[in-house]
Amino acid sequence: MKSDIEIAQGANMKPVNEIASSIGINQDDLIPYGKYKAKLPLKLIDQQKIKGSKLVLVSAISPSPAGEGKTTVSIGLAQALNRIGKKTTVVLREPSLGPVFGIKGGATGGGYSQVLPMEDINLHFTGDFAAVEKANNLLAALIDNNVQSKTKTLNIDPRTVHWRRVMDMNDRSLRNIIVGLGGTTSGIPRETGFDITAASEIMAILCLAENMDDLKKRLGNIFVGFTLDKKPIYARDLKAEGAMAALLKDAMLPNLVQTIENTPAIIHGGPFANIAQGTNTVVATKMGLSLSDITVTEAGFGFDLGAEKFFDIKCESSGLSPSAVVLVATIRALKYHGGVPIKDISKPDVEALKKGVANMQKHIENMSLFGICPIVAINRFSNDTDEEIELVKKTGEDMGVPVSVVDVWGKGGEGAIDLAEQISKIVSSCDCQYKPLYDWNWTPEKKIETIAKKIYGAEAVDYTQQAKNDLQKVYNLGLDKLAVCIAKTQKSLSDNPELLGRPKDFVVTVRKIEIAAGAGFIVPITGQIMRMPGLPAEPASEKIDVDNNGHISGLF
């Protein structure tokens, strides 16, 4: 059996100008990055065309450590919709190098449902992540420079500066560091640290900004800290937003590539869903809607994370509204939630599956809270038995939700024809109008409690003293009307990764609350979640290599 990278390298790619022509893009509007990649100008976004186009969101149950193929299903579905005559584009996030070299691997799909060129996309792509890093770290440098200055100073209290530097790599050694050592010419010593680029507020801002003016406004609204006399300082006070936006000028433009079946794919932005909002950029989604009849997009990890934030943050901020939502489930993940160890999830186990389907049932219930038209897609693996498939199908259908079995890894678009036909019917006939879970005008406590109780199934929410102090800061700054982006483990509906399936009677503990005023939300951090992951004992990087001809191997 061929590996993902072998399948990708054997694919027949078309030049990007041909992909652009298939969705009506004039060649003069393309900004080529080689033969198979290009950036798209924001002028191609057409609000009138968006109104007549349909958006399909792909989400998932709580994943197992093996990964369940949500991106693969998104790509396969887009290919299948094109096969049945629906002009479709898939819009996805860009991979982070942290997971690529860590444990999760790349994020370009798999088998015969991949986006190409997969090596480029998984590595440096068009440099968007590097631009986000530079813009973030420019602000960090400006802050420390102002603290050091004796003439043009804002009197920033370095003890209150919460802005951290970022890099696109898993590196636990940089989580907590001290800068400014080396004497008076090297700055003021203070505690700080690094976050991974995908978890940065700059990435969140890039993904929510509507245009360059909006980008600069959001960058200027970044909260930096306080002066020595307790006055708040924002990035605009440092006159930072113009230079930061200049660094992000090209990164603001969506990237056009293709799938293995030459379906147009727009890939842009890359926030994680467990520590950020987990969705691609607003401009990329609107670009897809402007150029297609149907746009397929995805939100990271389970419905409790990426999809909740997709609705309550992205849709509320941008006015987007999906016409259908796909919940991806796998037999092996459900058995994992039924108590089967990860090493045994490929073995048939109907009894464990009966226990594990409770996780899927909770996610289906969560979908109904938003008033949307749902469908379940069972991403079939070769060792799934017919009995197991039928049990999961019946579970969904008993809840009044249609279910489709897909095999997009092995068959590409052909393996999702039934799902595509059902989606086509839903988007043309379903008159559901999504509704947000909460009102941004509610208090932060009410917003957090609503998500924790209704989406996670928590009994209550507890706050550490640090979190209570942070909440008071939010109120004092007048930022209590912002959205809420809860940072939580992806492994469980709760904030405890050990509680699998459908946990009950648990308490969500908010450790601290960070402010992302530029992005337009606050970030309650729960459990032991952190913004800078570490590498595993055997990182995926050990298998990655390149030969004298530039041929890369080992990516997955």
Protein backbone atom coordinates (compact mmCIF):
# COMPACT_ATOMS: atom_id res chain seq x y z
CA MET A 1 0.00 0.00 0.00
CA LYS A 2 1.35 3.41 -0.97
CA SER A 3 1.95 6.02 1.72
CA ASP A 4 0.30 9.44 1.63
CA ILE A 5 3.42 11.15 0.32
CA GLU A 6 3.93 8.48 -2.37
CA ILE A 7 0.33 8.97 -3.54
CA ALA A 8 0.76 12.74 -3.52
CA GLN A 9 4.04 12.64 -5.45
CA GLY A 10 2.46 10.39 -8.08
CA ALA A 11 -0.52 12.69 -8.66
CA ASN A 12 -1.12 14.57 -11.91
CA MET A 13 -1.12 18.20 -10.83
CA LYS A 14 -2.34 20.96 -13.11
CA PRO A 15 -0.64 24.37 -13.26
CA VAL A 16 -2.26 26.74 -10.79
CA ASN A 17 -3.46 29.03 -13.60
CA GLU A 18 -5.64 26.18 -14.90
CA ILE A 19 -7.09 25.65 -11.42
CA ALA A 20 -7.79 29.37 -11.23
CA SER A 21 -9.51 29.36 -14.62
CA SER A 22 -11.83 26.56 -13.48
CA ILE A 23 -13.39 28.92 -10.93
CA GLY A 24 -13.37 32.01 -13.13
CA ILE A 25 -10.22 33.77 -11.92
CA ASN A 26 -8.50 35.96 -14.49
CA GLN A 27 -4.82 35.12 -14.95
CA ASP A 28 -3.87 38.74 -14.32
CA ASP A 29 -5.31 38.45 -10.79
CA LEU A 30 -3.06 35.54 -9.81
CA ILE A 31 0.07 36.17 -7.75
CA PRO A 32 2.10 33.02 -8.56
CA TYR A 33 4.35 31.28 -6.03
CA GLY A 34 5.90 28.83 -8.46
CA LYS A 35 3.96 26.54 -10.80
CA TYR A 36 1.38 25.09 -8.40
CA LYS A 37 0.73 27.80 -5.79
CA ALA A 38 -0.65 31.31 -6.00
CA LYS A 39 -2.03 34.06 -3.79
CA LEU A 40 -5.39 35.67 -4.51
CA PRO A 41 -6.16 39.41 -4.18
CA LEU A 42 -8.95 40.36 -1.79
CA LYS A 43 -10.78 42.20 -4.57
CA LEU A 44 -12.04 38.80 -5.76
CA ILE A 45 -14.34 38.64 -2.71
CA ASP A 46 -17.85 39.45 -3.95
CA GLN A 47 -20.55 40.01 -1.32
CA GLN A 48 -23.37 39.47 -3.82
CA LYS A 49 -21.99 36.10 -4.91
CA ILE A 50 -21.50 35.10 -1.27
CA LYS A 51 -25.23 35.53 -0.65
CA GLY A 52 -26.07 32.97 -3.32
CA SER A 53 -23.42 30.44 -2.33
CA LYS A 54 -23.60 27.62 0.23
CA LEU A 55 -21.17 26.95 3.08
CA VAL A 56 -20.67 23.44 4.49
CA LEU A 57 -18.80 23.00 7.78
CA VAL A 58 -17.04 19.73 8.60
CA SER A 59 -16.50 18.94 12.29
CA ALA A 60 -15.98 15.75 14.30
CA ILE A 61 -16.49 13.76 17.46
CA SER A 62 -13.76 13.90 20.13
CA PRO A 63 -10.73 12.38 18.36
CA SER A 64 -8.53 9.50 19.41
CA PRO A 65 -4.73 9.98 19.47
CA ALA A 66 -4.59 8.23 16.08
CA GLY A 67 -6.43 11.07 14.32
CA GLU A 68 -9.71 10.50 12.51
CA GLY A 69 -9.46 12.17 9.10
CA LYS A 70 -11.64 15.26 9.33
CA THR A 71 -9.48 17.13 6.82
CA THR A 72 -9.41 14.06 4.57
CA VAL A 73 -13.23 13.93 4.64
CA SER A 74 -13.44 17.67 3.87
CA ILE A 75 -11.23 17.23 0.81
CA GLY A 76 -13.00 14.03 -0.30
CA LEU A 77 -16.41 15.68 0.06
CA ALA A 78 -15.34 18.67 -2.06
CA GLN A 79 -14.04 16.28 -4.74
CA ALA A 80 -17.29 14.30 -4.63
CA LEU A 81 -19.43 17.44 -4.97
CA ASN A 82 -17.47 18.38 -8.09
CA ARG A 83 -18.00 14.86 -9.42
CA ILE A 84 -21.78 15.30 -9.19
CA GLY A 85 -21.64 18.65 -10.98
CA LYS A 86 -21.52 21.10 -8.07
CA LYS A 87 -18.92 23.83 -8.48
CA THR A 88 -17.06 23.38 -5.19
CA THR A 89 -13.96 24.70 -3.46
CA VAL A 90 -12.46 23.35 -0.24
CA VAL A 91 -11.09 25.92 2.22
CA LEU A 92 -8.68 24.73 4.92
CA ARG A 93 -6.13 25.89 7.47
CA GLU A 94 -2.38 25.83 6.90
CA PRO A 95 -0.36 23.20 8.82
CA SER A 96 1.93 24.21 11.67
CA LEU A 97 5.48 22.86 11.71
CA GLY A 98 5.03 21.89 15.36
CA PRO A 99 2.67 18.96 14.65
CA VAL A 100 4.42 18.18 11.33
CA PHE A 101 7.69 17.46 13.18
CA GLY A 102 5.94 16.28 16.36
CA ILE A 103 3.34 13.59 16.80
CA LYS A 104 0.33 14.56 14.71
CA GLY A 105 1.99 14.85 11.32
CA GLY A 106 0.88 17.08 8.47
CA ALA A 107 -2.55 18.53 7.79
CA THR A 108 -3.08 18.05 4.06
CA GLY A 109 -5.48 15.10 4.17
CA GLY A 110 -4.51 11.58 3.21
CA GLY A 111 -4.64 8.85 0.58
CA TYR A 112 -6.62 9.99 -2.46
CA SER A 113 -8.10 12.99 -0.66
CA GLN A 114 -5.13 15.31 -0.28
CA VAL A 115 -4.25 18.90 -1.11
CA LEU A 116 -1.15 19.41 -3.22
CA PRO A 117 1.75 20.04 -3.31
CA MET A 118 1.64 18.40 0.12
CA GLU A 119 5.35 18.84 0.88
CA ASP A 120 5.22 22.60 0.29
CA ILE A 121 1.96 23.07 2.19
CA ASN A 122 3.22 21.09 5.18
CA LEU A 123 6.55 22.92 5.30
CA HIS A 124 7.08 26.63 4.54
CA PHE A 125 4.27 27.00 1.95
CA THR A 126 4.06 30.71 0.98
CA GLY A 127 5.61 32.08 4.17
CA ASP A 128 2.42 33.10 5.99
CA PHE A 129 3.48 31.58 9.32
CA ALA A 130 6.86 33.28 9.09
CA ALA A 131 5.14 36.63 8.55
CA VAL A 132 2.91 36.05 11.58
CA GLU A 133 6.00 35.25 13.65
CA LYS A 134 7.79 38.39 12.52
CA ALA A 135 4.80 40.66 13.17
CA ASN A 136 4.33 39.17 16.64
CA ASN A 137 7.99 39.42 17.54
CA LEU A 138 8.27 42.96 16.19
CA LEU A 139 5.71 44.03 18.79
CA ALA A 140 7.67 42.16 21.48
CA ALA A 141 10.85 43.98 20.44
CA LEU A 142 9.07 47.35 20.41
CA ILE A 143 7.73 46.74 23.91
CA ASP A 144 11.15 45.87 25.33
CA ASN A 145 12.73 48.77 23.46
CA ASN A 146 10.25 51.21 25.00
CA VAL A 147 10.85 49.79 28.46
CA GLN A 148 14.61 50.30 27.93
CA SER A 149 14.26 53.82 26.48
CA LYS A 150 15.19 56.82 28.60
CA THR A 151 13.82 59.47 26.23
CA LYS A 152 10.73 58.27 24.34
CA THR A 153 9.07 56.11 26.94
CA LEU A 154 5.47 55.18 27.77
CA ASN A 155 6.54 54.22 31.30
CA ILE A 156 5.45 50.62 30.75
CA ASP A 157 5.60 48.52 33.89
CA PRO A 158 7.54 45.45 32.67
CA ARG A 159 5.90 43.32 35.38
CA THR A 160 2.54 43.75 33.65
CA VAL A 161 3.62 42.94 30.08
CA HIS A 162 1.86 39.73 29.01
CA TRP A 163 2.94 39.77 25.32
CA ARG A 164 5.10 36.75 24.46
CA ARG A 165 7.27 35.88 21.51
CA VAL A 166 6.30 33.02 19.18
CA MET A 167 7.89 30.44 16.92
CA ASP A 168 6.36 27.73 14.73
CA MET A 169 7.86 24.73 16.48
CA ASN A 170 7.12 22.58 19.52
CA ASP A 171 9.75 23.59 22.09
CA ARG A 172 8.89 23.10 25.76
CA SER A 173 12.20 24.68 26.87
CA LEU A 174 10.97 28.09 25.73
CA ARG A 175 7.64 28.10 27.59
CA ASN A 176 9.05 30.16 30.45
CA ILE A 177 12.23 32.20 30.09
CA ILE A 178 13.95 35.36 31.36
CA VAL A 179 14.95 38.06 28.88
CA GLY A 180 17.11 41.14 29.34
CA LEU A 181 20.11 39.51 31.00
CA GLY A 182 23.59 40.79 30.21
CA GLY A 183 23.71 44.20 31.80
CA THR A 184 22.13 47.63 31.32
CA THR A 185 22.61 47.67 27.54
CA SER A 186 20.71 44.40 27.07
CA GLY A 187 17.31 45.47 28.39
CA ILE A 188 15.34 45.10 31.59
CA PRO A 189 15.29 41.54 32.96
CA ARG A 190 11.79 40.11 33.15
CA GLU A 191 9.96 36.79 32.95
CA THR A 192 8.29 35.92 29.66
CA GLY A 193 8.22 32.99 27.23
CA PHE A 194 7.32 31.66 23.80
CA ASP A 195 4.01 30.39 22.42
CA ILE A 196 3.63 28.39 19.24
CA THR A 197 2.75 30.62 16.27
CA ALA A 198 -0.63 28.96 15.71
CA ALA A 199 -1.68 29.98 19.23
CA SER A 200 -0.69 33.63 18.85
CA GLU A 201 -3.10 36.53 18.86
CA ILE A 202 -1.60 37.69 15.55
CA MET A 203 -2.72 34.42 13.96
CA ALA A 204 -6.19 34.89 15.45
CA ILE A 205 -6.31 38.46 14.13
CA LEU A 206 -5.18 37.39 10.65
CA CYS A 207 -7.96 34.81 10.59
CA LEU A 208 -10.71 37.24 11.63
CA ALA A 209 -9.67 40.41 9.77
CA GLU A 210 -11.91 41.38 6.83
CA ASN A 211 -9.46 43.69 5.03
CA MET A 212 -6.27 45.66 5.57
CA ASP A 213 -7.99 48.48 7.49
CA ASP A 214 -9.64 45.95 9.79
CA LEU A 215 -6.30 44.18 10.21
CA LYS A 216 -4.57 47.39 11.30
CA LYS A 217 -7.39 48.30 13.68
CA ARG A 218 -7.24 44.86 15.33
CA LEU A 219 -3.45 44.99 15.56
CA GLY A 220 -3.67 48.39 17.23
CA ASN A 221 -6.17 47.03 19.77
CA ILE A 222 -3.73 44.43 21.12
CA PHE A 223 -3.46 44.86 24.90
CA VAL A 224 0.17 45.05 26.00
CA GLY A 225 0.11 45.83 29.74
CA PHE A 226 -0.02 48.82 32.08
CA THR A 227 2.06 51.90 32.78
CA LEU A 228 3.68 52.41 36.17
CA ASP A 229 0.66 54.53 37.10
CA LYS A 230 -1.80 51.74 36.09
CA LYS A 231 -2.94 53.07 32.70
CA PRO A 232 -3.53 50.44 29.96
CA ILE A 233 -1.14 50.28 27.01
CA TYR A 234 -2.14 48.99 23.58
CA ALA A 235 -0.07 48.28 20.47
CA ARG A 236 -1.40 51.50 18.92
CA ASP A 237 0.29 53.46 21.72
CA LEU A 238 3.60 52.06 20.46
CA LYS A 239 2.63 53.01 16.88
CA ALA A 240 3.19 49.34 16.02
CA GLU A 241 0.18 48.48 13.88
CA GLY A 242 1.42 50.00 10.60
CA ALA A 243 4.72 48.13 10.52
CA MET A 244 3.07 44.91 11.73
CA ALA A 245 0.48 45.16 8.95
CA ALA A 246 3.24 45.78 6.42
CA LEU A 247 4.85 42.49 7.48
CA LEU A 248 1.47 40.78 7.05
CA LYS A 249 0.67 42.36 3.67
CA ASP A 250 1.19 39.19 1.63
CA ALA A 251 0.13 36.85 4.43
CA MET A 252 -3.28 38.53 4.35
CA LEU A 253 -3.90 37.09 0.87
CA PRO A 254 -5.42 33.56 0.63
CA ASN A 255 -3.44 30.78 -1.06
CA LEU A 256 -4.81 28.81 -4.03
CA VAL A 257 -3.69 25.20 -4.59
CA GLN A 258 -5.51 22.00 -5.64
CA THR A 259 -6.60 18.59 -4.44
CA ILE A 260 -5.39 15.30 -5.85
CA GLU A 261 -8.44 15.37 -8.19
CA ASN A 262 -7.68 18.99 -9.22
CA THR A 263 -10.49 20.48 -7.14
CA PRO A 264 -9.63 24.10 -6.22
CA ALA A 265 -8.38 24.43 -2.64
CA ILE A 266 -7.85 27.66 -0.71
CA ILE A 267 -5.57 27.26 2.30
CA HIS A 268 -5.05 30.16 4.66
CA GLY A 269 -4.35 30.73 8.36
CA GLY A 270 -3.73 28.06 10.94
CA PRO A 271 -4.91 28.54 14.54
CA PHE A 272 -5.24 25.44 16.73
CA ALA A 273 -8.76 24.69 18.00
CA ASN A 274 -7.77 23.64 21.51
CA ILE A 275 -5.88 26.88 22.28
CA ALA A 276 -7.27 29.28 19.64
CA GLN A 277 -10.36 29.51 17.39
CA GLY A 278 -9.36 26.63 15.09
CA THR A 279 -10.72 27.91 11.78
CA ASN A 280 -9.21 29.30 8.58
CA THR A 281 -9.39 32.98 7.70
CA VAL A 282 -12.62 34.86 7.12
CA VAL A 283 -11.23 36.19 3.83
CA ALA A 284 -10.40 32.65 2.61
CA THR A 285 -13.90 31.40 3.40
CA LYS A 286 -15.48 34.42 1.71
CA MET A 287 -13.14 33.94 -1.25
CA GLY A 288 -14.35 30.36 -1.64
CA LEU A 289 -17.98 31.46 -1.43
CA SER A 290 -17.32 34.16 -4.04
CA LEU A 291 -15.84 31.67 -6.51
CA SER A 292 -17.98 28.56 -5.98
CA ASP A 293 -21.55 27.34 -5.60
CA ILE A 294 -20.57 25.31 -2.54
CA THR A 295 -17.63 25.84 -0.20
CA VAL A 296 -16.50 23.07 2.15
CA THR A 297 -14.53 24.14 5.21
CA GLU A 298 -13.49 22.54 8.49
CA ALA A 299 -13.01 23.46 12.13
CA GLY A 300 -10.32 21.84 14.25
CA PHE A 301 -10.67 18.87 16.63
CA GLY A 302 -14.15 18.01 17.96
CA PHE A 303 -17.39 19.96 17.67
CA ASP A 304 -16.91 21.15 21.27
CA LEU A 305 -13.81 23.09 20.21
CA GLY A 306 -13.42 24.26 16.60
CA ALA A 307 -17.09 24.17 15.62
CA GLU A 308 -18.32 26.01 18.73
CA LYS A 309 -15.75 28.72 18.06
CA PHE A 310 -16.60 28.71 14.35
CA PHE A 311 -20.18 29.66 15.20
CA ASP A 312 -19.76 31.85 18.27
CA ILE A 313 -16.64 33.74 17.14
CA LYS A 314 -16.08 33.48 13.38
CA CYS A 315 -19.69 33.53 12.22
CA GLU A 316 -20.77 36.18 14.72
CA SER A 317 -17.80 38.36 13.75
CA SER A 318 -18.13 37.99 9.97
CA GLY A 319 -21.81 37.32 9.26
CA LEU A 320 -21.09 33.88 7.77
CA SER A 321 -23.72 31.15 8.14
CA PRO A 322 -23.31 27.47 7.12
CA SER A 323 -26.07 25.66 5.26
CA ALA A 324 -25.05 22.20 6.53
CA VAL A 325 -22.70 20.68 9.10
CA VAL A 326 -20.97 17.29 8.78
CA LEU A 327 -19.96 15.43 11.94
CA VAL A 328 -17.12 13.01 11.14
CA ALA A 329 -17.05 9.86 13.26
CA THR A 330 -14.83 6.81 13.13
CA ILE A 331 -15.44 3.38 14.59
CA ARG A 332 -11.98 3.29 16.13
CA ALA A 333 -12.37 6.64 17.92
CA LEU A 334 -15.73 5.55 19.35
CA LYS A 335 -14.19 2.30 20.59
CA TYR A 336 -11.40 4.35 22.17
CA HIS A 337 -14.07 6.38 24.00
CA GLY A 338 -15.62 3.08 25.02
CA GLY A 339 -12.47 2.14 26.90
CA VAL A 340 -10.36 0.30 24.30
CA PRO A 341 -6.61 1.08 24.50
CA ILE A 342 -5.22 2.91 21.49
CA LYS A 343 -3.17 -0.14 20.46
CA ASP A 344 -6.35 -2.26 20.17
CA ILE A 345 -8.79 0.12 18.48
CA SER A 346 -8.43 -1.65 15.13
CA LYS A 347 -9.83 -4.89 16.60
CA PRO A 348 -13.61 -5.55 16.41
CA ASP A 349 -15.34 -4.74 19.73
CA VAL A 350 -19.07 -4.11 19.53
CA GLU A 351 -19.52 -3.85 23.31
CA ALA A 352 -16.93 -1.08 23.63
CA LEU A 353 -18.50 0.64 20.63
CA LYS A 354 -21.90 0.63 22.36
CA LYS A 355 -20.32 2.52 25.27
CA GLY A 356 -18.33 4.88 23.06
CA VAL A 357 -21.23 6.07 20.88
CA ALA A 358 -22.30 8.23 23.82
CA ASN A 359 -19.57 10.63 22.72
CA MET A 360 -21.12 10.94 19.26
CA GLN A 361 -24.59 11.36 20.76
CA LYS A 362 -23.39 14.33 22.84
CA HIS A 363 -21.84 16.00 19.79
CA ILE A 364 -25.08 15.51 17.85
CA GLU A 365 -26.99 17.11 20.72
CA ASN A 366 -24.52 20.00 20.63
CA MET A 367 -25.15 20.47 16.91
CA SER A 368 -28.87 20.90 17.61
CA LEU A 369 -28.12 23.78 19.99
CA PHE A 370 -27.09 25.93 17.01
CA GLY A 371 -30.21 25.23 14.94
CA ILE A 372 -28.25 23.80 12.01
CA CYS A 373 -28.86 21.00 9.49
CA PRO A 374 -26.60 18.08 10.53
CA ILE A 375 -25.36 14.90 8.91
CA VAL A 376 -22.97 12.24 10.25
CA ALA A 377 -20.16 10.90 8.04
CA ILE A 378 -18.63 7.60 9.14
CA ASN A 379 -15.05 7.68 7.89
CA ARG A 380 -14.60 3.97 7.22
CA PHE A 381 -11.34 2.13 7.80
CA SER A 382 -10.53 -1.27 6.29
CA ASN A 383 -10.85 -3.16 9.58
CA ASP A 384 -14.30 -1.76 10.48
CA THR A 385 -16.91 -4.55 10.50
CA ASP A 386 -20.38 -4.27 8.98
CA GLU A 387 -21.91 -4.87 12.42
CA GLU A 388 -19.97 -1.94 13.87
CA ILE A 389 -20.92 0.32 10.96
CA GLU A 390 -24.63 -0.55 11.33
CA LEU A 391 -24.57 0.14 15.07
CA VAL A 392 -23.20 3.66 14.53
CA LYS A 393 -25.58 4.32 11.62
CA LYS A 394 -28.56 3.31 13.75
CA THR A 395 -27.39 5.54 16.60
CA GLY A 396 -27.39 8.59 14.35
CA GLU A 397 -30.62 7.75 12.56
CA ASP A 398 -32.40 7.11 15.88
CA MET A 399 -31.57 10.73 16.74
CA GLY A 400 -33.09 11.91 13.47
CA VAL A 401 -29.75 12.63 11.78
CA PRO A 402 -28.88 11.18 8.35
CA VAL A 403 -25.72 9.07 8.20
CA SER A 404 -23.39 8.40 5.28
CA VAL A 405 -20.45 5.99 5.13
CA VAL A 406 -17.40 7.35 3.29
CA ASP A 407 -14.10 5.89 2.09
CA VAL A 408 -12.25 8.97 0.91
CA TRP A 409 -8.73 7.81 1.82
CA GLY A 410 -8.93 4.84 -0.51
CA LYS A 411 -11.32 6.12 -3.18
CA GLY A 412 -11.06 9.91 -3.14
CA GLY A 413 -14.19 11.72 -4.29
CA GLU A 414 -15.79 8.49 -5.47
CA GLY A 415 -15.84 7.33 -1.85
CA ALA A 416 -18.05 10.25 -0.77
CA ILE A 417 -20.65 10.38 -3.58
CA ASP A 418 -23.51 9.43 -1.23
CA LEU A 419 -22.44 12.10 1.28
CA ALA A 420 -22.17 14.67 -1.53
CA GLU A 421 -25.66 13.85 -2.81
CA GLN A 422 -27.12 14.15 0.68
CA ILE A 423 -25.28 17.44 1.27
CA SER A 424 -26.55 18.76 -2.06
CA LYS A 425 -30.13 18.05 -0.98
CA ILE A 426 -29.62 19.58 2.47
CA VAL A 427 -28.14 22.87 1.24
CA SER A 428 -30.89 23.29 -1.33
CA SER A 429 -33.83 22.44 0.93
CA CYS A 430 -32.90 22.98 4.59
CA ASP A 431 -34.19 26.34 5.82
CA CYS A 432 -32.38 26.21 9.18
CA GLN A 433 -30.73 29.43 10.28
CA TYR A 434 -27.91 29.00 12.74
CA LYS A 435 -28.17 30.74 16.09
CA PRO A 436 -25.25 31.53 18.42
CA LEU A 437 -24.96 29.80 21.76
CA TYR A 438 -24.54 33.04 23.69
CA ASP A 439 -24.85 36.80 23.40
CA TRP A 440 -21.55 38.69 23.43
CA ASN A 441 -23.19 41.26 25.73
CA TRP A 442 -23.52 38.68 28.51
CA THR A 443 -21.00 38.73 31.33
CA PRO A 444 -17.84 36.67 30.78
CA GLU A 445 -18.92 34.32 33.58
CA LYS A 446 -22.28 33.64 31.94
CA LYS A 447 -20.66 33.03 28.53
CA ILE A 448 -18.09 30.65 30.00
CA GLU A 449 -20.72 28.80 32.04
CA THR A 450 -23.02 28.45 29.03
CA ILE A 451 -20.29 26.81 26.94
CA ALA A 452 -19.10 24.60 29.79
CA LYS A 453 -22.54 23.36 30.78
CA LYS A 454 -24.29 23.13 27.41
CA ILE A 455 -21.42 22.05 25.13
CA TYR A 456 -19.08 20.17 27.46
CA GLY A 457 -21.77 18.85 29.81
CA ALA A 458 -20.10 20.25 32.97
CA GLU A 459 -21.86 20.45 36.30
CA ALA A 460 -20.19 23.75 37.20
CA VAL A 461 -17.28 26.10 36.53
CA ASP A 462 -14.63 26.90 39.14
CA TYR A 463 -12.14 29.78 39.00
CA THR A 464 -8.70 29.92 40.59
CA GLN A 465 -7.73 33.15 42.34
CA GLN A 466 -5.56 34.00 39.33
CA ALA A 467 -8.58 33.63 37.03
CA LYS A 468 -10.70 35.81 39.31
CA ASN A 469 -8.03 38.51 39.24
CA ASP A 470 -7.87 38.23 35.45
CA LEU A 471 -11.66 38.59 35.22
CA GLN A 472 -11.49 41.78 37.25
CA LYS A 473 -8.87 43.11 34.83
CA VAL A 474 -11.21 42.31 31.92
CA TYR A 475 -13.98 44.33 33.57
CA ASN A 476 -11.68 47.22 34.46
CA LEU A 477 -10.52 47.47 30.83
CA GLY A 478 -14.11 47.42 29.52
CA LEU A 479 -13.47 44.22 27.58
CA ASP A 480 -16.24 42.13 29.16
CA LYS A 481 -18.35 42.27 25.98
CA LEU A 482 -15.81 40.31 23.94
CA ALA A 483 -16.40 36.76 22.76
CA VAL A 484 -15.01 33.78 24.68
CA CYS A 485 -12.42 31.37 23.22
CA ILE A 486 -11.94 28.61 25.80
CA ALA A 487 -8.62 26.76 25.73
CA LYS A 488 -9.32 23.11 26.57
CA THR A 489 -7.97 19.65 25.87
CA GLN A 490 -9.18 18.10 22.62
CA LYS A 491 -9.05 14.60 24.10
CA SER A 492 -12.19 14.91 26.23
CA LEU A 493 -15.45 16.83 26.38
CA SER A 494 -14.23 17.86 29.83
CA ASP A 495 -11.03 19.71 30.76
CA ASN A 496 -9.48 16.43 31.93
CA PRO A 497 -7.95 14.40 29.05
CA GLU A 498 -8.47 11.17 31.01
CA LEU A 499 -12.27 11.48 31.02
CA LEU A 500 -13.26 9.81 27.74
CA GLY A 501 -16.67 9.05 26.24
CA ARG A 502 -19.37 11.30 27.65
CA PRO A 503 -18.23 12.39 31.10
CA LYS A 504 -20.76 13.74 33.58
CA ASP A 505 -20.77 15.51 36.96
CA PHE A 506 -17.42 17.17 36.35
CA VAL A 507 -16.28 20.70 37.11
CA VAL A 508 -14.38 22.81 34.58
CA THR A 509 -11.55 24.73 36.25
CA VAL A 510 -10.45 28.02 34.73
CA ARG A 511 -6.80 28.56 35.72
CA LYS A 512 -6.32 31.99 34.19
CA ILE A 513 -7.82 34.27 31.55
CA GLU A 514 -5.76 35.90 28.82
CA ILE A 515 -6.85 38.94 26.85
CA ALA A 516 -6.89 38.99 23.04
CA ALA A 517 -8.52 42.36 22.53
CA GLY A 518 -7.24 42.68 18.97
CA ALA A 519 -8.76 39.34 18.00
CA GLY A 520 -11.95 40.27 19.83
CA PHE A 521 -12.08 37.61 22.52
CA ILE A 522 -10.82 36.58 25.92
CA VAL A 523 -9.16 33.19 26.46
CA PRO A 524 -10.11 31.24 29.60
CA ILE A 525 -7.43 28.57 30.00
CA THR A 526 -8.68 25.35 31.56
CA GLY A 527 -6.99 22.26 32.94
CA GLN A 528 -3.34 21.82 32.03
CA ILE A 529 -3.64 23.17 28.48
CA MET A 530 -0.63 25.22 27.32
CA ARG A 531 0.23 27.39 24.33
CA MET A 532 3.64 25.88 23.63
CA PRO A 533 3.57 22.11 23.08
CA GLY A 534 6.58 19.83 23.44
CA LEU A 535 7.94 17.18 21.09
CA PRO A 536 7.20 13.49 21.78
CA ALA A 537 9.85 10.90 22.67
CA GLU A 538 9.99 9.84 19.00
CA PRO A 539 9.24 12.96 16.94
CA ALA A 540 8.00 12.58 13.37
CA SER A 541 11.02 14.60 12.24
CA GLU A 542 13.17 11.48 12.67
CA LYS A 543 11.54 9.98 9.56
CA ILE A 544 11.73 13.07 7.34
CA ASP A 545 14.57 13.38 4.82
CA VAL A 546 15.47 14.92 1.45
CA ASP A 547 17.76 13.55 -1.29
CA ASN A 548 20.13 15.28 -3.73
CA ASN A 549 17.27 15.86 -6.17
CA GLY A 550 15.17 17.67 -3.57
CA HIS A 551 12.84 14.68 -3.20
CA ILE A 552 11.31 14.75 0.31
CA SER A 553 10.34 11.55 2.11
CA GLY A 554 8.80 10.68 5.48
CA LEU A 555 6.03 13.29 5.60
CA PHE A 556 2.60 11.99 6.53
